Protein backbone atom coordinates (compact mmCIF):
# COMPACT_ATOMS: atom_id res chain seq x y z
CA MET A 1 -15.13 34.80 94.96
CA LYS A 2 -11.40 34.51 93.75
CA ASP A 3 -8.93 36.88 95.35
CA TYR A 4 -6.04 38.58 93.52
CA ILE A 5 -2.44 40.20 94.36
CA GLY A 6 -1.50 43.57 92.78
CA VAL A 7 2.18 44.93 92.69
CA ASP A 8 3.21 48.35 92.60
CA ILE A 9 7.17 48.44 92.24
CA GLY A 10 8.82 52.04 92.54
CA GLY A 11 12.15 53.27 93.07
CA THR A 12 11.54 53.86 96.91
CA LYS A 13 8.64 51.66 97.73
CA ILE A 14 6.70 48.56 97.09
CA ALA A 15 2.74 48.65 97.58
CA VAL A 16 0.94 45.03 97.55
CA VAL A 17 -2.91 44.83 97.45
CA ARG A 18 -4.92 41.82 97.74
CA CYS A 19 -8.46 42.30 96.10
CA ASN A 20 -11.30 40.68 94.81
CA ALA A 21 -12.95 40.47 91.42
CA ASP A 22 -14.85 43.61 92.14
CA GLY A 23 -11.37 45.77 93.16
CA GLU A 24 -12.24 45.92 96.49
CA VAL A 25 -8.98 46.05 98.47
CA LEU A 26 -9.27 43.42 101.10
CA SER A 27 -5.56 44.14 102.66
CA SER A 28 -2.29 46.03 101.63
CA THR A 29 1.08 46.51 102.61
CA THR A 30 4.07 48.63 101.84
CA VAL A 31 7.81 47.87 102.06
CA PRO A 32 11.01 49.78 101.01
CA ALA A 33 12.27 49.04 97.54
CA PRO A 34 16.09 48.21 97.77
CA ALA A 35 16.35 49.79 94.36
CA GLN A 36 20.17 50.13 94.60
CA ALA A 37 20.84 46.52 95.67
CA GLY A 38 20.00 44.73 92.85
CA GLY A 39 17.32 42.45 90.83
CA ASP A 40 17.42 39.65 93.59
CA ALA A 41 17.03 42.17 96.54
CA MET A 42 14.02 43.93 94.70
CA ILE A 43 12.31 40.40 93.80
CA ALA A 44 12.76 39.28 97.62
CA ALA A 45 11.19 42.50 98.97
CA VAL A 46 8.08 42.04 96.74
CA LYS A 47 7.86 38.22 97.88
CA HIS A 48 8.06 39.56 101.38
CA GLY A 49 5.48 41.72 100.72
CA ILE A 50 3.00 39.19 99.22
CA GLU A 51 3.56 36.71 101.90
CA SER A 52 2.93 39.48 104.74
CA LEU A 53 -0.65 39.39 103.36
CA GLY A 54 -1.44 36.06 104.39
CA ASP A 55 -1.09 32.70 102.71
CA GLU A 56 -5.11 32.43 101.66
CA PRO A 57 -5.44 30.98 98.22
CA ILE A 58 -4.98 33.78 95.36
CA ALA A 59 -6.12 33.48 91.71
CA ALA A 60 -3.19 35.41 90.03
CA ILE A 61 -0.63 37.79 90.44
CA GLY A 62 -0.07 41.22 88.64
CA VAL A 63 2.94 43.42 88.98
CA GLY A 64 3.20 46.90 87.65
CA ALA A 65 6.74 47.94 87.71
CA ALA A 66 8.72 51.20 86.41
CA GLY A 67 10.61 50.80 83.17
CA VAL A 68 10.05 49.01 80.06
CA ILE A 69 8.51 45.05 80.55
CA SER A 70 8.38 42.80 77.69
CA GLY A 71 7.27 39.16 78.05
CA GLY A 72 7.07 39.77 82.01
CA THR A 73 11.06 40.65 81.89
CA VAL A 74 12.27 44.20 82.40
CA VAL A 75 14.37 45.33 79.27
CA ALA A 76 15.01 49.02 80.11
CA ALA A 77 14.88 50.94 83.43
CA SER A 78 16.26 54.27 84.47
CA ASP A 79 19.46 54.35 86.61
CA THR A 80 17.39 54.53 89.94
CA PHE A 81 17.42 50.71 89.59
CA VAL A 82 20.44 48.41 89.90
CA ASP A 83 20.92 45.11 88.02
CA TRP A 84 16.93 45.30 87.18
CA VAL A 85 17.04 45.05 83.69
CA GLY A 86 17.14 41.26 82.42
CA VAL A 87 14.75 40.25 85.56
CA ALA A 88 12.18 37.89 84.50
CA ILE A 89 9.58 39.08 87.04
CA ASP A 90 7.02 36.98 86.19
CA ARG A 91 9.12 33.63 86.08
CA ARG A 92 10.25 34.49 89.45
CA LEU A 93 7.27 34.97 91.20
CA ARG A 94 5.69 32.14 89.46
CA ASP A 95 8.26 29.79 90.57
CA ARG A 96 7.35 30.92 94.35
CA PHE A 97 3.87 31.32 94.22
CA ARG A 98 2.48 28.76 91.67
CA VAL A 99 0.17 30.91 90.50
CA PRO A 100 -0.16 32.88 87.05
CA VAL A 101 1.88 35.97 86.96
CA TYR A 102 1.44 38.91 84.68
CA ALA A 103 4.23 42.00 84.85
CA LEU A 104 3.64 45.08 83.21
CA ASN A 105 4.89 48.59 82.98
CA ASP A 106 3.08 50.79 85.90
CA VAL A 107 1.74 53.15 83.40
CA ASN A 108 -0.23 50.33 81.36
CA ALA A 109 -1.00 48.87 85.11
CA PHE A 110 -2.41 52.19 86.13
CA LEU A 111 -4.36 52.58 82.83
CA ALA A 112 -5.68 48.75 83.42
CA GLY A 113 -7.30 49.81 86.94
CA GLU A 114 -9.18 52.79 85.76
CA LEU A 115 -10.44 51.00 82.55
CA THR A 116 -11.91 47.75 84.83
CA TRP A 117 -12.80 49.70 88.10
CA GLY A 118 -12.33 53.59 87.59
CA VAL A 119 -13.16 56.66 85.50
CA GLY A 120 -12.94 54.56 82.21
CA ARG A 121 -15.27 51.63 83.54
CA GLY A 122 -17.75 50.43 80.83
CA GLU A 123 -15.31 51.90 77.89
CA SER A 124 -13.63 50.34 75.14
CA ASP A 125 -10.90 53.04 74.36
CA LEU A 126 -9.04 55.36 76.72
CA PHE A 127 -5.78 57.15 76.87
CA GLY A 128 -3.76 57.31 80.23
CA LEU A 129 -1.44 59.86 81.27
CA THR A 130 0.74 60.04 84.52
CA LEU A 131 2.24 63.17 85.44
CA GLY A 132 5.18 62.61 88.38
CA THR A 133 8.56 63.15 88.35
CA GLY A 134 8.49 62.12 85.02
CA VAL A 135 5.44 61.60 82.29
CA GLY A 136 4.36 58.27 81.29
CA GLY A 137 1.60 57.12 78.54
CA ALA A 138 -0.46 54.42 78.00
CA VAL A 139 -3.43 53.14 75.54
CA ALA A 140 -6.15 51.16 75.74
CA LEU A 141 -8.17 50.01 72.60
CA ASN A 142 -11.34 47.55 72.49
CA GLY A 143 -11.75 47.04 76.07
CA ARG A 144 -8.00 46.22 76.72
CA VAL A 145 -4.56 47.99 77.58
CA TRP A 146 -2.23 47.60 74.50
CA VAL A 147 1.16 47.13 75.19
CA GLY A 148 2.50 46.80 71.33
CA ARG A 149 5.34 44.52 70.32
CA GLY A 150 7.93 45.94 73.10
CA GLY A 151 5.77 46.75 75.74
CA MET A 152 6.19 50.78 74.93
CA ALA A 153 2.94 51.60 73.32
CA GLY A 154 1.67 54.97 74.41
CA GLU A 155 4.69 56.50 75.98
CA ILE A 156 4.32 59.74 74.99
CA GLY A 157 5.95 61.24 77.51
CA HIS A 158 9.17 61.28 75.43
CA THR A 159 7.98 62.80 72.03
CA PRO A 160 9.02 66.09 70.86
CA GLY A 161 6.94 68.99 69.91
CA TYR A 162 6.79 70.66 73.22
CA GLY A 163 9.56 73.58 72.94
CA ASP A 164 13.51 73.26 73.45
CA LEU A 165 14.13 72.43 77.04
CA LEU A 166 16.88 69.63 77.78
CA CYS A 167 15.13 66.39 78.81
CA THR A 168 16.20 63.81 81.35
CA CYS A 169 16.74 61.37 78.72
CA GLY A 170 19.20 63.81 76.85
CA GLN A 171 17.04 64.78 74.01
CA SER A 172 15.25 67.85 73.88
CA GLY A 173 11.64 69.44 73.70
CA HIS A 174 9.79 66.27 75.18
CA LEU A 175 6.54 66.70 76.86
CA GLU A 176 8.18 65.60 80.30
CA THR A 177 9.84 69.00 80.02
CA ARG A 178 6.69 70.96 80.12
CA ALA A 179 4.01 68.85 82.17
CA SER A 180 5.93 66.50 84.81
CA GLY A 181 6.14 67.58 88.45
CA ARG A 182 9.72 68.46 87.86
CA ALA A 183 9.02 70.28 85.06
CA ILE A 184 6.62 72.47 87.00
CA GLU A 185 9.07 73.31 89.79
CA ALA A 186 11.85 74.05 86.96
CA ALA A 187 9.34 76.43 85.24
CA PHE A 188 8.70 78.37 88.46
CA LEU A 189 12.55 78.42 89.26
CA ALA A 190 12.96 80.30 86.03
CA LEU A 191 10.29 82.66 86.41
CA THR A 192 11.06 83.79 89.99
CA GLY A 193 14.49 82.67 90.78
CA ARG A 194 13.01 80.85 93.66
CA ALA A 195 13.26 76.68 94.09
CA THR A 196 9.90 75.84 95.35
CA PRO A 197 8.33 72.41 95.92
CA GLY A 198 5.53 71.44 93.66
CA THR A 199 2.84 71.67 96.48
CA GLU A 200 3.69 74.93 97.15
CA ILE A 201 3.44 76.24 94.03
CA ALA A 202 0.03 74.66 93.69
CA ASP A 203 -1.04 76.56 96.60
CA ARG A 204 0.27 79.63 95.32
CA ALA A 205 -1.79 79.27 92.21
CA ARG A 206 -4.75 78.66 94.29
CA VAL A 207 -4.43 82.12 95.74
CA GLY A 208 -3.68 83.78 92.37
CA ASP A 209 -0.03 83.85 92.05
CA PRO A 210 0.83 84.95 88.43
CA SER A 211 3.84 83.07 88.24
CA ALA A 212 2.39 79.92 89.59
CA LEU A 213 -0.64 80.52 87.24
CA ALA A 214 1.44 80.73 84.42
CA VAL A 215 3.26 77.67 85.31
CA TYR A 216 0.45 75.74 85.11
CA ASP A 217 -0.92 77.14 82.05
CA GLY A 218 1.99 76.00 80.23
CA ALA A 219 1.69 72.47 81.57
CA ALA A 220 -1.84 72.14 80.97
CA GLN A 221 -1.05 73.53 77.17
CA ALA A 222 1.17 70.49 77.07
CA VAL A 223 -1.25 67.91 78.61
CA ALA A 224 -3.89 69.39 76.05
CA GLN A 225 -1.29 68.98 73.40
CA ALA A 226 -0.63 65.51 74.33
CA ALA A 227 -4.08 64.43 74.45
CA VAL A 228 -5.15 65.46 71.00
CA THR A 229 -2.22 63.91 69.68
CA ALA A 230 -3.63 60.73 71.19
CA ALA A 231 -7.24 61.46 69.82
CA ASN A 232 -5.76 62.04 66.41
CA LEU A 233 -3.57 58.73 66.55
CA PHE A 234 -6.13 56.45 67.88
CA ASP A 235 -9.37 58.00 68.17
CA LEU A 236 -9.11 58.22 71.72
CA LEU A 237 -11.60 61.06 72.87
CA HIS A 238 -11.04 60.26 76.88
CA VAL A 239 -8.09 61.04 78.71
CA VAL A 240 -7.68 60.00 82.43
CA VAL A 241 -4.72 61.68 84.37
CA GLY A 242 -2.84 60.46 87.18
CA GLY A 243 0.52 60.92 88.96
CA GLY A 244 1.53 63.42 91.71
CA VAL A 245 0.35 66.39 89.51
CA ARG A 246 -3.04 65.05 89.48
CA GLN A 247 -3.13 66.35 93.46
CA ALA A 248 -3.45 69.94 92.00
CA TRP A 249 -6.21 69.11 89.52
CA ASP A 250 -8.32 72.07 90.79
CA VAL A 251 -5.37 74.26 89.49
CA LEU A 252 -4.66 72.39 86.31
CA SER A 253 -8.26 71.61 85.05
CA ARG A 254 -9.28 75.23 84.32
CA PRO A 255 -6.50 76.04 82.01
CA LEU A 256 -6.63 72.44 80.28
CA GLU A 257 -9.94 72.60 79.44
CA GLN A 258 -9.44 76.26 77.79
CA TRP A 259 -6.66 74.61 75.90
CA LEU A 260 -8.78 71.59 75.03
CA ALA A 261 -11.23 73.89 73.64
CA ARG A 262 -8.69 75.88 71.52
CA LEU A 263 -7.13 72.57 70.05
CA PRO A 264 -9.88 70.33 68.76
CA SER A 265 -9.11 66.91 67.55
CA VAL A 266 -9.06 66.46 63.85
CA SER A 267 -12.67 65.58 63.88
CA GLY A 268 -13.69 68.65 65.48
CA VAL A 269 -14.41 66.72 68.89
CA THR A 270 -13.14 68.09 71.94
CA VAL A 271 -11.25 65.76 74.07
CA ARG A 272 -12.55 64.99 77.64
CA VAL A 273 -9.61 64.57 80.28
CA SER A 274 -10.60 63.33 83.74
CA PRO A 275 -8.82 62.77 86.94
CA SER A 276 -7.99 59.26 87.99
CA SER A 277 -10.19 57.84 90.87
CA LEU A 278 -8.52 54.84 92.27
CA GLY A 279 -6.24 56.77 94.39
CA LYS A 280 -2.89 55.57 96.12
CA HIS A 281 -3.47 52.02 95.12
CA GLY A 282 -4.26 52.68 91.80
CA VAL A 283 -1.10 50.91 90.11
CA ALA A 284 -1.29 47.98 92.25
CA LEU A 285 -5.33 47.51 91.78
CA GLY A 286 -4.63 47.96 87.86
CA ALA A 287 -1.98 45.19 88.11
CA ALA A 288 -4.18 43.06 89.69
CA ALA A 289 -7.12 43.67 87.08
CA ALA A 290 -4.30 42.89 84.39
CA ALA A 291 -3.58 39.54 86.09
CA MET A 292 -7.40 39.21 86.28
CA GLU A 293 -7.65 39.56 82.64
CA GLU A 294 -4.58 37.46 81.43
CA GLU A 295 -6.07 34.42 83.64
CA SER A 296 -7.83 33.61 80.06
CA ARG A 297 -6.08 35.87 77.45
CA GLU A 298 -2.54 36.65 76.09
CA PRO A 299 -1.03 40.13 76.16
CA VAL A 300 -1.93 42.66 73.25
CA GLY A 301 0.79 43.19 70.66
CA LEU A 302 1.25 44.04 67.04
């Protein structure tokens, strides 16, 4: 059975897994991400992580990276990363390891993993939503993650219509201002005057704190609105949710179900929302799944 490498490049760490074609993790490692040291340092860290898993043959490498990835190259990224835009991830790793390499946005990788080995296994159409420091989105159609012409398909986190709060991108009213982990903390601060970590807000909601419950109800309303938007645009009736906020699924799920019941899709069908299932290796496994797929196909575009 062939082995694959999956890489998850974040702003603080780089996770690497070796897995087989069934999605079984055979080995894994994590190395620091030198995001402020430039693209060359980041690629060197990725190479080191892959090399540390041994020199047994691999069929392909998949890389899920923060930012907009098009044609295997970073075309846009946050200021967390210095000199990252313009780095050809696929070419740089292909030159070193001499196997096919496929690089894609980390949320697209997350969805590829859930579609292949997670809660979306066996489905053809799926919407992915990651609720972390920010909010990311991804679309799967006809059994494959659809990245669009420029690699930005599904990025619902920076769409308007969710109020008038200022987003980190400089615009107002984006989904990220209501449903991200940062937004949950900001909403609780506005209600109580207390700066509180997200994990503590979730714990407070579990014991019935009214302010914490109100904050999660607001986040749930925004997630439901986003889910229904995806359903109406692409007839996507199943949404999988990942990211750090997913750890508070027991708090988020009840108000989310209530809001989904109030906001049916245009067809009248209630959208189903599920928590992600692949855990901490979700993005890396998804990148490996995408690489496995790309051995025989080209990326989907317009």
